[in-house]
Amino acid sequence: MPDPTLELVLRGEHIALDALLKASGLAPSGGTARQWIVAGEVEVDGVVETRKTAKIRAGQVVCVHASGGQRVRVSAPG
């Protein structure tokens, strides 16, 4: 079975959590991303994160329960 984890390459040092969900295609809109975060549907490195603009950096893994447990691994540019 293939690894369902998506890869997102940063353009800078970090990305806001709500922007990451939208940029990765998991959330259809920024509003949906923010709703999922506030509802406790999103984990960063295994811990529920409810701050919409939490800074996500290279090496972190985001799991979205609202999208069936889809995971996004964040990596550094280059």
N, C-alpha and C. Protein backbone atom coordinates (compact mmCIF):
# COMPACT_ATOMS: atom_id res chain seq x y z
N MET A 1 0.85 -1.18 0.00
CA MET A 1 0.00 0.00 0.00
C MET A 1 0.90 1.25 0.00
N PRO A 2 0.66 2.21 -0.91
CA PRO A 2 1.50 3.39 -0.96
C PRO A 2 1.27 4.31 0.25
N ASP A 3 2.29 5.09 0.58
CA ASP A 3 2.22 6.03 1.68
C ASP A 3 1.29 7.18 1.27
N PRO A 4 0.21 7.43 2.02
CA PRO A 4 -0.74 8.48 1.64
C PRO A 4 -0.28 9.89 2.04
N THR A 5 0.94 10.01 2.53
CA THR A 5 1.44 11.31 2.99
C THR A 5 1.81 12.19 1.80
N LEU A 6 1.28 13.41 1.81
CA LEU A 6 1.64 14.40 0.80
C LEU A 6 2.91 15.11 1.24
N GLU A 7 3.60 15.71 0.29
CA GLU A 7 4.80 16.47 0.59
C GLU A 7 4.55 17.92 0.19
N LEU A 8 4.87 18.85 1.09
CA LEU A 8 4.74 20.28 0.79
C LEU A 8 6.09 20.93 1.03
N VAL A 9 6.64 21.55 -0.01
CA VAL A 9 7.94 22.22 0.10
C VAL A 9 7.69 23.69 0.44
N LEU A 10 8.33 24.14 1.50
CA LEU A 10 8.19 25.53 1.92
C LEU A 10 8.87 26.48 0.94
N ARG A 11 8.34 27.69 0.85
CA ARG A 11 8.99 28.74 0.06
C ARG A 11 9.84 29.63 0.95
N GLY A 12 9.54 29.64 2.24
CA GLY A 12 10.30 30.43 3.21
C GLY A 12 10.61 29.57 4.42
N GLU A 13 10.71 30.21 5.59
CA GLU A 13 11.04 29.48 6.81
C GLU A 13 9.85 28.72 7.39
N HIS A 14 8.63 29.23 7.15
CA HIS A 14 7.45 28.60 7.72
C HIS A 14 6.22 28.95 6.90
N ILE A 15 5.10 28.29 7.24
CA ILE A 15 3.81 28.58 6.62
C ILE A 15 2.76 28.48 7.73
N ALA A 16 1.76 29.34 7.67
CA ALA A 16 0.67 29.28 8.65
C ALA A 16 -0.12 28.00 8.42
N LEU A 17 -0.60 27.42 9.50
CA LEU A 17 -1.32 26.14 9.41
C LEU A 17 -2.51 26.22 8.46
N ASP A 18 -3.34 27.27 8.57
CA ASP A 18 -4.50 27.35 7.68
C ASP A 18 -4.09 27.48 6.22
N ALA A 19 -3.00 28.22 5.96
CA ALA A 19 -2.50 28.36 4.59
C ALA A 19 -1.95 27.03 4.06
N LEU A 20 -1.33 26.25 4.93
CA LEU A 20 -0.80 24.94 4.53
C LEU A 20 -1.94 24.02 4.07
N LEU A 21 -3.03 24.02 4.83
CA LEU A 21 -4.15 23.13 4.47
C LEU A 21 -4.73 23.50 3.12
N LYS A 22 -4.80 24.79 2.85
CA LYS A 22 -5.32 25.24 1.55
C LYS A 22 -4.30 24.97 0.44
N ALA A 23 -3.03 25.30 0.68
CA ALA A 23 -1.98 25.13 -0.33
C ALA A 23 -1.78 23.66 -0.71
N SER A 24 -1.97 22.76 0.24
CA SER A 24 -1.79 21.33 -0.03
C SER A 24 -2.98 20.73 -0.76
N GLY A 25 -4.09 21.48 -0.83
CA GLY A 25 -5.28 20.98 -1.51
C GLY A 25 -6.20 20.18 -0.62
N LEU A 26 -5.86 20.02 0.65
CA LEU A 26 -6.71 19.25 1.55
C LEU A 26 -7.99 20.00 1.89
N ALA A 27 -7.87 21.30 2.11
CA ALA A 27 -9.05 22.12 2.41
C ALA A 27 -9.43 22.89 1.15
N PRO A 28 -10.72 22.89 0.81
CA PRO A 28 -11.15 23.58 -0.40
C PRO A 28 -11.08 25.11 -0.29
N SER A 29 -11.00 25.61 0.94
CA SER A 29 -10.92 27.06 1.14
C SER A 29 -10.24 27.36 2.47
N GLY A 30 -9.82 28.60 2.61
CA GLY A 30 -9.22 29.01 3.88
C GLY A 30 -10.23 28.94 5.01
N GLY A 31 -11.49 29.23 4.72
CA GLY A 31 -12.53 29.17 5.73
C GLY A 31 -12.73 27.76 6.26
N THR A 32 -12.73 26.80 5.35
CA THR A 32 -12.86 25.40 5.75
C THR A 32 -11.66 24.98 6.59
N ALA A 33 -10.48 25.38 6.17
CA ALA A 33 -9.25 25.05 6.92
C ALA A 33 -9.36 25.58 8.35
N ARG A 34 -9.79 26.83 8.50
CA ARG A 34 -9.91 27.43 9.83
C ARG A 34 -10.96 26.71 10.67
N GLN A 35 -12.07 26.30 10.06
CA GLN A 35 -13.11 25.56 10.79
C GLN A 35 -12.55 24.24 11.32
N TRP A 36 -11.82 23.52 10.48
CA TRP A 36 -11.24 22.24 10.90
C TRP A 36 -10.27 22.44 12.06
N ILE A 37 -9.45 23.47 11.98
CA ILE A 37 -8.45 23.73 13.02
C ILE A 37 -9.14 24.03 14.35
N VAL A 38 -10.10 24.95 14.33
CA VAL A 38 -10.81 25.35 15.55
C VAL A 38 -11.57 24.16 16.15
N ALA A 39 -12.06 23.26 15.29
CA ALA A 39 -12.82 22.09 15.75
C ALA A 39 -11.92 20.98 16.29
N GLY A 40 -10.60 21.17 16.24
CA GLY A 40 -9.69 20.15 16.76
C GLY A 40 -9.46 18.99 15.82
N GLU A 41 -9.69 19.21 14.52
CA GLU A 41 -9.55 18.16 13.52
C GLU A 41 -8.14 18.05 12.94
N VAL A 42 -7.23 18.90 13.41
CA VAL A 42 -5.88 18.95 12.82
C VAL A 42 -4.84 18.73 13.91
N GLU A 43 -3.87 17.85 13.61
CA GLU A 43 -2.76 17.59 14.52
C GLU A 43 -1.46 18.00 13.84
N VAL A 44 -0.55 18.52 14.64
CA VAL A 44 0.81 18.82 14.18
C VAL A 44 1.75 17.98 15.03
N ASP A 45 2.49 17.11 14.38
CA ASP A 45 3.41 16.19 15.09
C ASP A 45 2.68 15.42 16.19
N GLY A 46 1.45 14.98 15.92
CA GLY A 46 0.70 14.14 16.84
C GLY A 46 -0.05 14.87 17.94
N VAL A 47 -0.01 16.21 17.94
CA VAL A 47 -0.69 16.99 18.97
C VAL A 47 -1.74 17.89 18.31
N VAL A 48 -2.95 17.90 18.85
CA VAL A 48 -4.01 18.74 18.29
C VAL A 48 -3.57 20.20 18.35
N GLU A 49 -3.72 20.89 17.22
CA GLU A 49 -3.34 22.30 17.11
C GLU A 49 -4.58 23.12 16.78
N THR A 50 -4.93 24.07 17.64
CA THR A 50 -6.13 24.88 17.42
C THR A 50 -5.81 26.33 17.07
N ARG A 51 -4.53 26.65 16.89
CA ARG A 51 -4.15 28.00 16.47
C ARG A 51 -4.11 28.02 14.94
N LYS A 52 -4.99 28.82 14.35
CA LYS A 52 -5.12 28.86 12.89
C LYS A 52 -3.83 29.28 12.19
N THR A 53 -3.09 30.17 12.82
CA THR A 53 -1.89 30.68 12.17
C THR A 53 -0.61 30.13 12.80
N ALA A 54 -0.70 28.96 13.42
CA ALA A 54 0.50 28.31 13.98
C ALA A 54 1.54 28.18 12.87
N LYS A 55 2.80 28.49 13.19
CA LYS A 55 3.87 28.43 12.20
C LYS A 55 4.34 26.99 12.03
N ILE A 56 4.19 26.48 10.83
CA ILE A 56 4.60 25.11 10.51
C ILE A 56 5.93 25.20 9.77
N ARG A 57 6.90 24.44 10.25
CA ARG A 57 8.25 24.49 9.70
C ARG A 57 8.66 23.16 9.10
N ALA A 58 9.76 23.17 8.37
CA ALA A 58 10.29 21.96 7.74
C ALA A 58 10.49 20.87 8.78
N GLY A 59 10.13 19.66 8.43
CA GLY A 59 10.29 18.51 9.31
C GLY A 59 9.02 18.15 10.07
N GLN A 60 8.05 19.06 10.09
CA GLN A 60 6.81 18.77 10.81
C GLN A 60 5.84 18.01 9.92
N VAL A 61 4.95 17.25 10.58
CA VAL A 61 3.93 16.48 9.88
C VAL A 61 2.57 16.92 10.41
N VAL A 62 1.67 17.25 9.49
CA VAL A 62 0.32 17.68 9.82
C VAL A 62 -0.64 16.57 9.41
N CYS A 63 -1.55 16.21 10.31
CA CYS A 63 -2.55 15.18 10.03
C CYS A 63 -3.93 15.82 10.13
N VAL A 64 -4.76 15.60 9.11
CA VAL A 64 -6.08 16.22 9.05
C VAL A 64 -7.15 15.13 9.17
N HIS A 65 -7.77 15.04 10.33
CA HIS A 65 -8.79 14.01 10.54
C HIS A 65 -10.04 14.27 9.70
N ALA A 66 -10.32 15.56 9.44
CA ALA A 66 -11.51 15.92 8.66
C ALA A 66 -11.40 15.44 7.21
N SER A 67 -10.20 15.11 6.77
CA SER A 67 -10.01 14.62 5.40
C SER A 67 -9.60 13.15 5.40
N GLY A 68 -10.10 12.41 6.36
CA GLY A 68 -9.82 10.98 6.42
C GLY A 68 -8.44 10.63 6.93
N GLY A 69 -7.83 11.53 7.70
CA GLY A 69 -6.51 11.24 8.27
C GLY A 69 -5.36 11.52 7.32
N GLN A 70 -5.62 12.28 6.28
CA GLN A 70 -4.55 12.62 5.32
C GLN A 70 -3.42 13.35 6.03
N ARG A 71 -2.19 13.02 5.65
CA ARG A 71 -1.02 13.63 6.28
C ARG A 71 -0.25 14.46 5.26
N VAL A 72 0.38 15.53 5.77
CA VAL A 72 1.25 16.38 4.95
C VAL A 72 2.58 16.52 5.67
N ARG A 73 3.65 16.14 5.00
CA ARG A 73 5.01 16.30 5.53
C ARG A 73 5.58 17.57 4.92
N VAL A 74 6.10 18.44 5.76
CA VAL A 74 6.63 19.72 5.31
C VAL A 74 8.15 19.62 5.17
N SER A 75 8.66 20.07 4.02
CA SER A 75 10.10 20.00 3.82
C SER A 75 10.66 21.37 3.42
N ALA A 76 11.95 21.50 3.61
CA ALA A 76 12.64 22.76 3.29
C ALA A 76 12.83 22.90 1.78
N PRO A 77 12.91 24.12 1.30
CA PRO A 77 13.14 24.31 -0.14
C PRO A 77 14.53 23.83 -0.53
N GLY A 78 14.65 23.43 -1.80
CA GLY A 78 15.95 23.02 -2.35
C GLY A 78 16.37 21.73 -1.82
